[in-house]
Amino acid sequence: MEKTMHVYRLPRVPRAHRSVPRPSSGPVRHRIRSVLCAAAAALTLVGAGVATGAASPQAQAASETAVSFKAHANNNIITAENAGASALIANRDTVGLWETFDQIDLGNGNIALRAHANNRFVTAENAGASSLIANRDDIGQWETFQLVRNSDGSTSLKAAANGKYVTAEDAGASALIANRTSIGQWEKFDLAPVGDGGAGPLPSSFRWSSSGVLIGPKSDASHDIRAVKDPSVVRYNGKWHVFASTTNSSGGYGMQYLSFTDWSQAGSATPYYLDRSAIGSGYKTAPMVFYFAPQKLWYLTYQTGNNMAYSTNPDIENPSGWSAPRNFYSNGMPRIVAQNIGDGYWVDSWVICDTANCHLFSADDNGHLYRSTSSLAQFPNGFGDGSNTVIAASDPNRYNLFEAENIYKVDGSNTYLLIMEALGPEGRRIFRSFTSPSLTGTWTPLAASNANPFAAPSNVSFGGTAWTVDFSSGEAIRSGYDQNVTISPCRLQFLYQGKDPAAGGDYNHLPWRLGLLTQTNSTC
């Protein structure tokens, strides 16, 4: 088997550890799900009970129902336009992700609404003087609406921000706004449940188009950077925030941070090298970023060579604000990992939470996927010595479950998606995918073979000559940014590392760059 591998990559050496001792623990991962407050007048709510992740203490305690709204003003469905970046407006014919909201019962006839488009709460902006928009992380007065049941069976929404009714302004041609003192046709909406899978199911096979190189190495006086790899990305406050590993001319590892508003600006963004923060210098790599809503803190997790570590920051936009490293595991590598790792390496931890627990996954370059568990209340200190760690999945062919696992909750469903890097034909990097009904369940192959991969040369097209034939360590574009780590099943995108097909040699010196895959066979 090893003889078929390309010289550039010895199969037994992991992507982030070429000259470092086997690491011992795994980082945590989280995503915020925000709540969309009641959209405007006369909407049709389409909803069914859907369990969602934590966005605020209020939201966690309340019951939730996935719904959509249809405006009586023009018989169109309300959408969180532009993936929630623009105001709510009634201009859609069908219900998709942007048209789905979690209705959160606040008691006493009041609700809040969370947009599936971006997992943020709908607000009556500027105390109701501006249009409704899904841009809040917590529920306050502006995000609270009274649900009014009309005699004709329709629904109206009264904003707590100003005591006025939401209207589909200009017969629905303008954005929703809370500015009416009485209920008429424009202030009526039909409310209906959205069932599981309302945003569209995952396909059984995938097709992609790839961008060119979006992010490459940039050096400065103290950082001679040769590669950028292992990206983690979230969309927050109108910007993309990308954390990535770097390697220098000596093969040493570090991390960097970039932010920009549009992918067209990624290549010109100036990196901030995270050794300038309290994270410090030395071997730190494979970052993962998420917002842990219960603590209102951003977490950045990474490998340190002998443990998995994390830093916290109240403001993701302040890269100098990250705290000094702390370890997840009290005694380093859990015993079950040490017993099964063989000549592999312990790498690429990933944390995803449900309503009760946070689950820490990791890989070993030896055909095993591991899972440790902490209660939500005890996170990040609840993993202890890792004694409750189990093997969540395994494959007798170590290259089929190799490293770089990603695990997501699929919006509008009770499905979890596992994406994991494998070594495919000729030792090239590919991704396989699996699904499970729970984070503790069995992982069933979805697109998980050389003939039907999640992402590989066989199902990725380029606008011109392919700049890579490796599809390695990356991350899907999430639909939010908190500890629930959710993705939309519609029009998936995946930020990945690739390299010049002609490049070879020692792994630590390979010229990795970042590109973006966009799904071309979406079912919704």
Protein backbone atom coordinates (compact mmCIF):
# COMPACT_ATOMS: atom_id res chain seq x y z
CA MET A 1 0.00 0.00 0.00
CA GLU A 2 2.70 2.48 0.91
CA LYS A 3 4.45 1.91 -2.41
CA THR A 4 1.43 3.26 -4.23
CA MET A 5 1.52 6.49 -2.24
CA HIS A 6 3.16 9.56 -3.68
CA VAL A 7 6.55 10.48 -2.30
CA TYR A 8 5.21 13.75 -0.94
CA ARG A 9 3.04 12.00 1.68
CA LEU A 10 4.06 9.08 3.84
CA PRO A 11 0.71 7.57 4.80
CA ARG A 12 1.57 7.05 8.45
CA VAL A 13 2.41 10.71 9.10
CA PRO A 14 -0.50 13.04 9.90
CA ARG A 15 -1.18 16.31 8.19
CA ALA A 16 -0.39 18.52 11.17
CA HIS A 17 2.36 16.67 12.94
CA ARG A 18 5.27 15.75 10.78
CA SER A 19 8.09 16.45 13.25
CA VAL A 20 6.13 16.64 16.48
CA PRO A 21 5.33 13.98 19.13
CA ARG A 22 1.89 12.44 18.97
CA PRO A 23 -0.60 14.90 20.39
CA SER A 24 -2.97 13.95 23.11
CA SER A 25 -6.31 15.65 23.18
CA GLY A 26 -8.95 17.32 21.14
CA PRO A 27 -10.35 20.78 20.70
CA VAL A 28 -13.91 21.89 21.13
CA ARG A 29 -16.16 23.14 18.47
CA HIS A 30 -19.32 25.19 18.60
CA ARG A 31 -21.74 27.22 16.64
CA ILE A 32 -24.35 29.82 17.62
CA ARG A 33 -27.89 29.41 16.49
CA SER A 34 -29.65 32.72 16.67
CA VAL A 35 -33.36 33.39 16.83
CA LEU A 36 -35.40 35.25 14.27
CA CYS A 37 -38.04 37.43 15.89
CA ALA A 38 -41.49 37.66 14.50
CA ALA A 39 -41.48 38.71 10.93
CA ALA A 40 -43.86 41.21 9.63
CA ALA A 41 -47.50 41.58 9.08
CA ALA A 42 -49.69 38.94 7.56
CA LEU A 43 -47.04 36.20 7.12
CA THR A 44 -47.66 32.50 6.63
CA LEU A 45 -45.70 30.54 9.22
CA VAL A 46 -44.82 27.08 8.06
CA GLY A 47 -43.52 25.06 10.98
CA ALA A 48 -43.06 21.80 12.75
CA GLY A 49 -41.25 21.02 15.95
CA VAL A 50 -37.50 21.20 15.41
CA ALA A 51 -34.91 21.05 18.14
CA THR A 52 -32.36 23.80 17.71
CA GLY A 53 -29.16 24.85 19.37
CA ALA A 54 -28.44 27.41 22.00
CA ALA A 55 -28.41 31.04 21.03
CA SER A 56 -29.30 32.70 24.29
CA PRO A 57 -30.35 31.63 27.79
CA GLN A 58 -33.94 32.61 27.02
CA ALA A 59 -34.03 30.58 23.82
CA GLN A 60 -32.60 27.48 25.46
CA ALA A 61 -35.44 27.30 27.96
CA ALA A 62 -38.28 27.89 25.49
CA SER A 63 -40.11 25.50 23.17
CA GLU A 64 -39.39 25.91 19.47
CA THR A 65 -41.26 25.19 16.25
CA ALA A 66 -39.93 25.59 12.72
CA VAL A 67 -42.34 27.73 10.71
CA SER A 68 -42.76 29.86 7.62
CA PHE A 69 -44.97 32.91 6.99
CA LYS A 70 -47.10 33.83 3.98
CA ALA A 71 -48.19 37.46 3.65
CA HIS A 72 -51.85 38.18 2.85
CA ALA A 73 -50.65 41.40 1.21
CA ASN A 74 -49.29 39.59 -1.87
CA ASN A 75 -49.61 35.87 -1.08
CA ASN A 76 -45.80 35.52 -1.03
CA ILE A 77 -43.64 33.85 1.60
CA ILE A 78 -41.44 35.87 3.93
CA THR A 79 -37.70 35.45 3.43
CA ALA A 80 -34.64 36.53 5.39
CA GLU A 81 -33.19 38.05 2.24
CA ASN A 82 -29.53 37.63 1.32
CA ALA A 83 -29.02 34.87 3.91
CA GLY A 84 -30.28 37.22 6.60
CA ALA A 85 -28.00 40.13 5.71
CA SER A 86 -30.94 42.12 4.32
CA ALA A 87 -34.37 42.93 5.77
CA LEU A 88 -37.27 40.49 5.81
CA ILE A 89 -39.52 40.76 2.76
CA ALA A 90 -42.44 38.80 1.27
CA ASN A 91 -41.16 37.84 -2.20
CA ARG A 92 -40.79 34.04 -2.36
CA ASP A 93 -42.99 31.36 -3.92
CA THR A 94 -41.64 28.36 -2.00
CA VAL A 95 -40.21 27.58 1.41
CA GLY A 96 -36.48 26.97 1.66
CA LEU A 97 -33.82 27.66 4.24
CA TRP A 98 -34.14 31.47 4.09
CA GLU A 99 -37.93 31.18 4.48
CA THR A 100 -37.80 29.01 7.60
CA PHE A 101 -37.82 30.42 11.14
CA ASP A 102 -37.81 28.87 14.58
CA GLN A 103 -40.80 30.21 16.51
CA ILE A 104 -39.74 30.36 20.16
CA ASP A 105 -42.45 30.50 22.80
CA LEU A 106 -41.56 33.14 25.41
CA GLY A 107 -44.79 32.75 27.37
CA ASN A 108 -47.80 35.08 27.82
CA GLY A 109 -48.53 34.98 24.08
CA ASN A 110 -45.08 36.32 23.14
CA ILE A 111 -42.63 34.75 20.72
CA ALA A 112 -39.24 35.33 19.17
CA LEU A 113 -38.16 34.20 15.72
CA ARG A 114 -34.82 32.76 14.70
CA ALA A 115 -33.92 32.70 11.01
CA HIS A 116 -32.57 29.44 9.62
CA ALA A 117 -30.80 31.59 7.02
CA ASN A 118 -28.20 32.73 9.56
CA ASN A 119 -29.42 31.43 12.94
CA ARG A 120 -29.92 34.92 14.33
CA PHE A 121 -32.98 36.52 15.91
CA VAL A 122 -35.34 38.84 14.07
CA THR A 123 -35.42 42.32 15.54
CA ALA A 124 -37.64 45.37 15.12
CA GLU A 125 -34.58 47.47 14.40
CA ASN A 126 -34.21 50.92 15.96
CA ALA A 127 -37.13 50.34 18.32
CA GLY A 128 -39.34 49.53 15.33
CA ALA A 129 -38.42 52.60 13.27
CA SER A 130 -36.46 50.44 10.79
CA SER A 131 -37.28 47.24 8.92
CA LEU A 132 -37.29 43.81 10.53
CA ILE A 133 -33.96 42.03 10.11
CA ALA A 134 -32.40 38.86 11.52
CA ASN A 135 -29.20 40.19 13.07
CA ARG A 136 -29.35 39.65 16.84
CA ASP A 137 -27.69 37.00 19.01
CA ASP A 138 -29.98 37.41 22.03
CA ILE A 139 -33.65 38.04 22.74
CA GLY A 140 -34.58 41.42 24.19
CA GLN A 141 -37.56 43.74 23.88
CA TRP A 142 -36.90 44.50 20.21
CA GLU A 143 -36.78 40.76 19.48
CA THR A 144 -40.10 40.03 21.24
CA PHE A 145 -43.44 39.92 19.40
CA GLN A 146 -46.99 39.24 20.54
CA LEU A 147 -48.58 36.51 18.45
CA VAL A 148 -52.13 37.67 17.61
CA ARG A 149 -54.67 35.12 16.36
CA ASN A 150 -57.20 36.73 14.02
CA SER A 151 -60.80 35.54 13.59
CA ASP A 152 -60.17 34.47 9.98
CA GLY A 153 -57.42 32.06 11.10
CA SER A 154 -54.54 34.31 10.10
CA THR A 155 -51.81 35.59 12.41
CA SER A 156 -50.47 39.06 13.14
CA LEU A 157 -47.37 40.17 14.99
CA LYS A 158 -47.21 43.06 17.43
CA ALA A 159 -43.73 44.34 18.20
CA ALA A 160 -42.84 44.82 21.87
CA ALA A 161 -40.34 47.42 20.70
CA ASN A 162 -43.06 50.01 19.93
CA GLY A 163 -46.44 48.32 20.41
CA LYS A 164 -47.18 48.41 16.67
CA TYR A 165 -48.12 45.71 14.21
CA VAL A 166 -45.76 44.29 11.61
CA THR A 167 -46.83 45.06 8.05
CA ALA A 168 -45.80 43.85 4.61
CA GLU A 169 -45.26 47.43 3.46
CA ASP A 170 -46.39 48.59 0.00
CA ALA A 171 -48.51 45.47 -0.49
CA GLY A 172 -45.40 43.36 0.13
CA ALA A 173 -43.14 45.21 -2.30
CA SER A 174 -41.12 46.70 0.58
CA ALA A 175 -39.52 45.17 3.64
CA LEU A 176 -41.47 44.22 6.75
CA ILE A 177 -41.71 46.92 9.38
CA ALA A 178 -43.62 47.37 12.65
CA ASN A 179 -45.42 50.70 12.07
CA ARG A 180 -49.19 50.03 12.05
CA THR A 181 -51.68 50.74 14.82
CA SER A 182 -54.39 48.40 13.51
CA ILE A 183 -54.66 45.13 11.58
CA GLY A 184 -55.58 45.15 7.92
CA GLN A 185 -54.76 42.91 4.97
CA TRP A 186 -51.07 43.87 4.94
CA GLU A 187 -50.73 42.97 8.63
CA LYS A 188 -52.04 39.40 8.27
CA PHE A 189 -49.94 36.29 7.78
CA ASP A 190 -50.66 32.59 7.51
CA LEU A 191 -48.59 30.48 9.85
CA ALA A 192 -47.71 26.88 8.93
CA PRO A 193 -45.25 24.28 10.26
CA VAL A 194 -42.16 23.20 8.32
CA GLY A 195 -41.48 19.49 8.67
CA ASP A 196 -38.10 17.83 9.01
CA GLY A 197 -36.18 18.17 5.78
CA GLY A 198 -38.16 21.25 4.79
CA ALA A 199 -34.96 22.89 3.66
CA GLY A 200 -34.15 19.94 1.42
CA PRO A 201 -32.45 16.58 2.09
CA LEU A 202 -28.80 15.78 1.56
CA PRO A 203 -28.15 14.11 -1.78
CA SER A 204 -26.63 10.64 -2.01
CA SER A 205 -23.86 11.97 -4.26
CA PHE A 206 -22.22 15.35 -4.67
CA ARG A 207 -20.93 17.50 -7.50
CA TRP A 208 -18.76 20.58 -6.96
CA SER A 209 -17.11 23.46 -8.71
CA SER A 210 -13.92 24.87 -7.24
CA SER A 211 -12.61 28.39 -7.06
CA GLY A 212 -9.01 29.15 -7.83
CA VAL A 213 -6.60 29.73 -4.99
CA LEU A 214 -8.26 32.20 -2.60
CA ILE A 215 -5.75 32.36 0.26
CA GLY A 216 -2.02 31.78 0.01
CA PRO A 217 1.00 32.39 2.26
CA LYS A 218 2.07 35.91 3.17
CA SER A 219 5.31 36.52 5.00
CA ASP A 220 6.45 39.40 7.14
CA ALA A 221 9.71 40.32 8.87
CA SER A 222 9.33 37.56 11.48
CA HIS A 223 7.23 34.94 9.64
CA ASP A 224 8.62 33.22 6.54
CA ILE A 225 5.40 31.48 5.51
CA ARG A 226 5.37 28.73 2.88
CA ALA A 227 1.89 27.20 3.27
CA VAL A 228 -1.60 27.96 4.59
CA LYS A 229 -3.76 24.99 5.61
CA ASP A 230 -6.37 23.51 8.00
CA PRO A 231 -8.90 26.37 7.75
CA SER A 232 -11.74 27.07 10.17
CA VAL A 233 -14.28 29.68 9.10
CA VAL A 234 -17.37 31.46 10.42
CA ARG A 235 -19.49 34.32 9.16
CA TYR A 236 -20.08 36.92 11.85
CA ASN A 237 -21.03 40.59 11.88
CA GLY A 238 -20.94 40.87 8.09
CA LYS A 239 -17.45 39.39 7.73
CA TRP A 240 -15.76 36.08 7.07
CA HIS A 241 -13.37 35.11 9.85
CA VAL A 242 -10.78 32.52 8.79
CA PHE A 243 -8.30 30.84 11.10
CA ALA A 244 -5.67 28.58 9.55
CA SER A 245 -2.44 26.71 10.17
CA THR A 246 0.77 27.98 8.62
CA THR A 247 4.12 26.33 7.95
CA ASN A 248 7.37 28.21 7.56
CA SER A 249 10.58 27.59 5.62
CA SER A 250 11.84 25.32 8.41
CA GLY A 251 8.68 23.23 8.44
CA GLY A 252 7.50 24.74 11.71
CA TYR A 253 3.81 25.25 12.44
CA GLY A 254 1.85 28.28 13.59
CA MET A 255 -1.57 29.87 13.09
CA GLN A 256 -2.98 32.98 11.47
CA TYR A 257 -6.25 34.93 11.33
CA LEU A 258 -7.85 36.79 8.41
CA SER A 259 -11.11 38.69 8.04
CA PHE A 260 -12.85 40.15 4.99
CA THR A 261 -16.38 40.87 3.82
CA ASP A 262 -16.33 38.98 0.51
CA TRP A 263 -14.36 36.03 -0.83
CA SER A 264 -13.04 38.23 -3.63
CA GLN A 265 -11.10 40.11 -0.92
CA ALA A 266 -9.59 37.01 0.70
CA GLY A 267 -6.36 37.10 -1.26
CA SER A 268 -5.63 40.71 -0.33
CA ALA A 269 -6.45 40.36 3.38
CA THR A 270 -3.52 40.86 5.76
CA PRO A 271 -2.95 37.95 8.16
CA TYR A 272 -2.53 38.41 11.89
CA TYR A 273 -0.10 35.81 13.23
CA LEU A 274 -1.54 34.43 16.45
CA ASP A 275 1.83 34.00 18.15
CA ARG A 276 1.52 37.75 18.74
CA SER A 277 -1.38 37.12 21.11
CA ALA A 278 -1.25 35.36 24.48
CA ILE A 279 -1.47 32.07 22.55
CA GLY A 280 2.26 32.52 22.08
CA SER A 281 4.83 30.80 19.90
CA GLY A 282 5.72 27.13 19.60
CA TYR A 283 3.88 24.23 18.02
CA LYS A 284 0.22 25.16 17.77
CA THR A 285 -1.84 24.18 14.75
CA ALA A 286 -5.14 22.92 13.27
CA PRO A 287 -7.37 25.70 14.67
CA MET A 288 -11.12 25.52 15.10
CA VAL A 289 -13.28 28.51 16.01
CA PHE A 290 -16.80 28.72 17.42
CA TYR A 291 -18.91 30.81 19.78
CA PHE A 292 -20.00 29.10 22.99
CA ALA A 293 -23.30 30.83 23.60
CA PRO A 294 -23.83 29.81 27.26
CA GLN A 295 -20.65 31.66 28.23
CA LYS A 296 -20.82 34.36 25.55
CA LEU A 297 -17.22 33.58 24.59
CA TRP A 298 -15.45 32.65 21.38
CA TYR A 299 -13.32 29.51 21.57
CA LEU A 300 -10.30 28.73 19.43
CA THR A 301 -9.04 25.17 19.73
CA TYR A 302 -5.77 23.78 18.41
CA GLN A 303 -3.17 21.05 18.76
CA THR A 304 -0.06 21.62 20.86
CA GLY A 305 1.76 18.33 20.34
CA ASN A 306 1.04 16.75 23.75
CA ASN A 307 -2.57 17.83 24.32
CA MET A 308 -5.45 19.67 22.70
CA ALA A 309 -5.69 23.24 23.86
CA TYR A 310 -8.08 26.16 23.67
CA SER A 311 -8.06 29.91 24.07
CA THR A 312 -11.04 32.21 24.58
CA ASN A 313 -11.88 35.70 23.43
CA PRO A 314 -14.97 37.89 23.99
CA ASP A 315 -14.46 39.50 20.56
CA ILE A 316 -13.55 37.48 17.47
CA GLU A 317 -12.67 40.70 15.66
CA ASN A 318 -9.84 41.41 18.13
CA PRO A 319 -7.16 38.81 17.29
CA SER A 320 -4.84 40.09 20.01
CA GLY A 321 -7.51 39.27 22.60
CA TRP A 322 -7.09 35.48 22.69
CA SER A 323 -6.19 34.07 26.09
CA ALA A 324 -3.20 31.86 26.91
CA PRO A 325 -3.59 28.14 26.08
CA ARG A 326 -5.43 25.75 28.38
CA ASN A 327 -5.73 21.97 27.95
CA PHE A 328 -8.94 19.99 27.48
CA TYR A 329 -7.67 16.72 28.97
CA SER A 330 -6.13 16.55 32.43
CA ASN A 331 -3.67 13.75 31.60
CA GLY A 332 -3.12 14.14 27.88
CA MET A 333 -4.10 11.37 25.47
CA PRO A 334 -7.03 9.20 26.69
CA ARG A 335 -6.13 5.57 27.33
CA ILE A 336 -8.36 4.17 24.58
CA VAL A 337 -6.56 6.30 22.01
CA ALA A 338 -3.15 5.15 23.22
CA GLN A 339 -4.33 1.53 22.98
CA ASN A 340 -5.49 1.84 19.35
CA ILE A 341 -3.32 4.49 17.72
CA GLY A 342 -0.59 2.11 16.57
CA ASP A 343 1.95 4.08 14.57
CA GLY A 344 -0.57 6.83 13.81
CA TYR A 345 -0.97 10.25 15.39
CA TRP A 346 -3.77 11.74 17.44
CA VAL A 347 -5.09 14.70 15.44
CA ASP A 348 -7.94 16.94 14.39
CA SER A 349 -10.33 17.15 17.30
CA TRP A 350 -13.82 18.54 16.77
CA VAL A 351 -16.49 19.51 19.30
CA ILE A 352 -20.20 19.69 18.61
CA CYS A 353 -22.91 20.09 21.24
CA ASP A 354 -26.53 19.09 21.54
CA THR A 355 -28.98 20.37 24.15
CA ALA A 356 -27.32 18.48 27.01
CA ASN A 357 -23.73 17.56 26.12
CA CYS A 358 -20.65 18.58 24.18
CA HIS A 359 -18.98 15.78 22.24
CA LEU A 360 -15.28 15.95 21.42
CA PHE A 361 -14.29 13.93 18.35
CA SER A 362 -10.76 13.17 17.16
CA ALA A 363 -8.88 10.91 14.74
CA ASP A 364 -5.66 8.89 14.85
CA ASP A 365 -4.46 8.34 11.26
CA ASN A 366 -5.08 4.67 11.99
CA GLY A 367 -8.72 4.10 11.02
CA HIS A 368 -10.43 5.30 14.22
CA LEU A 369 -12.81 8.13 15.08
CA TYR A 370 -13.00 8.82 18.83
CA ARG A 371 -15.64 10.60 20.90
CA SER A 372 -15.41 12.04 24.43
CA THR A 373 -18.33 13.66 26.26
CA SER A 374 -18.78 16.57 28.68
CA SER A 375 -22.02 18.01 29.94
CA LEU A 376 -22.87 21.38 28.50
CA ALA A 377 -22.68 22.90 31.98
CA GLN A 378 -19.17 21.55 32.63
CA PHE A 379 -17.66 22.52 29.28
CA PRO A 380 -14.73 23.04 28.72
CA ASN A 381 -13.62 21.35 31.95
CA GLY A 382 -15.81 18.26 31.73
CA PHE A 383 -13.61 15.95 29.63
CA GLY A 384 -11.36 15.16 32.59
CA ASP A 385 -8.85 12.42 31.83
CA GLY A 386 -10.87 11.23 28.84
CA SER A 387 -11.96 8.02 30.56
CA ASN A 388 -15.37 8.12 28.87
CA THR A 389 -13.80 8.26 25.40
CA VAL A 390 -15.12 5.62 22.98
CA ILE A 391 -14.44 4.57 19.41
CA ALA A 392 -17.29 6.18 17.47
CA ALA A 393 -16.34 4.63 14.11
CA SER A 394 -13.55 2.50 12.69
CA ASP A 395 -12.36 0.97 9.44
CA PRO A 396 -9.86 -1.89 9.02
CA ASN A 397 -8.34 0.11 6.18
CA ARG A 398 -6.71 2.96 8.10
CA TYR A 399 -6.73 5.20 5.03
CA ASN A 400 -10.53 5.18 4.77
CA LEU A 401 -10.95 6.97 8.13
CA PHE A 402 -7.74 8.92 8.28
CA GLU A 403 -8.08 12.45 9.72
CA ALA A 404 -9.65 15.92 9.44
CA GLU A 405 -13.16 14.96 10.61
CA ASN A 406 -15.97 17.53 10.43
CA ILE A 407 -19.35 16.88 12.08
CA TYR A 408 -22.42 19.05 11.55
CA LYS A 409 -26.10 19.16 12.47
CA VAL A 410 -28.09 19.49 9.24
CA ASP A 411 -30.62 22.33 9.46
CA GLY A 412 -34.29 21.35 9.40
CA SER A 413 -33.61 17.71 10.26
CA ASN A 414 -32.45 15.30 12.93
CA THR A 415 -29.48 14.29 10.80
CA TYR A 416 -25.80 14.71 11.56
CA LEU A 417 -23.23 14.75 8.76
CA LEU A 418 -19.67 13.45 9.20
CA ILE A 419 -17.10 14.49 6.60
CA MET A 420 -13.69 12.82 6.97
CA GLU A 421 -10.50 12.88 4.99
CA ALA A 422 -9.26 9.67 3.41
CA LEU A 423 -6.41 8.66 1.16
CA GLY A 424 -7.83 7.76 -2.22
CA PRO A 425 -6.30 6.44 -5.43
CA GLU A 426 -2.55 7.06 -5.71
CA GLY A 427 -2.49 8.45 -2.19
CA ARG A 428 -4.36 11.61 -3.11
CA ARG A 429 -6.44 13.33 -0.43
CA ILE A 430 -10.22 12.98 -0.77
CA PHE A 431 -13.25 13.34 1.52
CA ARG A 432 -15.81 10.69 2.44
CA SER A 433 -19.16 11.37 4.19
CA PHE A 434 -21.50 9.58 6.60
CA THR A 435 -24.75 10.36 8.42
CA SER A 436 -26.22 9.52 11.81
CA PRO A 437 -29.50 10.33 13.60
CA SER A 438 -27.56 11.34 16.72
CA LEU A 439 -24.07 12.28 17.85
CA THR A 440 -23.83 8.99 19.74
CA GLY A 441 -25.31 6.88 16.94
CA THR A 442 -23.89 4.69 14.18
CA TRP A 443 -22.36 6.44 11.17
CA THR A 444 -23.86 5.18 7.91
CA PRO A 445 -21.99 5.76 4.61
CA LEU A 446 -23.49 8.52 2.44
CA ALA A 447 -20.94 9.39 -0.24
CA ALA A 448 -18.09 7.33 1.12
CA SER A 449 -16.19 5.45 -1.59
CA ASN A 450 -13.63 6.12 -4.30
CA ALA A 451 -16.41 5.69 -6.85
CA ASN A 452 -18.78 7.98 -4.96
CA PRO A 453 -16.74 10.36 -2.77
CA PHE A 454 -17.87 13.48 -0.95
CA ALA A 455 -15.12 15.47 -2.72
CA ALA A 456 -12.37 14.18 -5.00
CA PRO A 457 -10.96 14.88 -8.48
CA SER A 458 -13.73 12.76 -9.98
CA ASN A 459 -16.56 15.07 -8.82
CA VAL A 460 -14.94 18.51 -8.72
CA SER A 461 -14.75 20.77 -11.79
CA PHE A 462 -12.58 23.84 -12.32
CA GLY A 463 -13.08 26.83 -14.58
CA GLY A 464 -9.75 26.03 -16.26
CA THR A 465 -6.84 23.77 -15.43
CA ALA A 466 -7.21 22.15 -12.02
CA TRP A 467 -4.80 23.79 -9.59
CA THR A 468 -5.02 20.78 -7.24
CA VAL A 469 -5.94 17.10 -7.28
CA ASP A 470 -5.87 16.88 -3.49
CA PHE A 471 -8.90 17.87 -1.41
CA SER A 472 -7.60 17.98 2.11
CA SER A 473 -8.31 19.35 5.58
CA GLY A 474 -11.08 21.91 5.43
CA GLU A 475 -14.43 22.94 6.77
CA ALA A 476 -17.96 23.43 5.45
CA ILE A 477 -19.45 26.91 5.46
CA ARG A 478 -21.74 26.85 8.47
CA SER A 479 -25.21 28.32 8.74
CA GLY A 480 -24.29 29.79 12.12
CA TYR A 481 -21.31 29.99 14.43
CA ASP A 482 -22.17 28.48 17.81
CA GLN A 483 -21.59 25.17 19.56
CA ASN A 484 -24.33 23.37 17.62
CA VAL A 485 -22.22 23.51 14.43
CA THR A 486 -25.04 23.55 11.89
CA ILE A 487 -25.03 23.63 8.12
CA SER A 488 -27.70 24.16 5.52
CA PRO A 489 -28.34 21.19 3.22
CA CYS A 490 -28.78 23.65 0.35
CA ARG A 491 -25.96 24.84 -1.90
CA LEU A 492 -23.17 23.54 0.34
CA GLN A 493 -19.77 25.19 0.28
CA PHE A 494 -16.50 23.81 1.63
CA LEU A 495 -13.23 25.65 2.28
CA TYR A 496 -10.34 23.24 1.74
CA GLN A 497 -6.60 22.98 1.30
CA GLY A 498 -5.06 21.94 -2.01
CA LYS A 499 -1.68 22.16 -3.68
CA ASP A 500 0.11 22.15 -7.02
CA PRO A 501 -0.18 18.57 -8.37
CA ALA A 502 3.53 18.65 -9.26
CA ALA A 503 4.65 19.56 -5.75
CA GLY A 504 6.31 16.83 -3.71
CA GLY A 505 8.77 16.24 -0.94
CA ASP A 506 8.46 16.40 2.84
CA TYR A 507 4.90 17.05 4.02
CA ASN A 508 5.91 19.93 6.25
CA HIS A 509 7.20 21.83 3.22
CA LEU A 510 4.31 21.21 0.81
CA PRO A 511 2.84 24.43 -0.66
CA TRP A 512 -0.76 24.18 0.59
CA ARG A 513 -3.23 26.89 -0.41
CA LEU A 514 -6.94 27.41 0.29
CA GLY A 515 -9.81 27.18 -2.18
CA LEU A 516 -13.62 27.02 -1.98
CA LEU A 517 -15.90 24.28 -3.27
CA THR A 518 -19.51 25.11 -4.18
CA GLN A 519 -22.08 22.35 -4.60
CA THR A 520 -23.58 22.19 -8.10
CA ASN A 521 -26.21 19.47 -7.57
CA SER A 522 -28.11 20.91 -4.61
CA THR A 523 -31.63 19.53 -4.16
CA CYS A 524 -32.97 22.82 -2.81
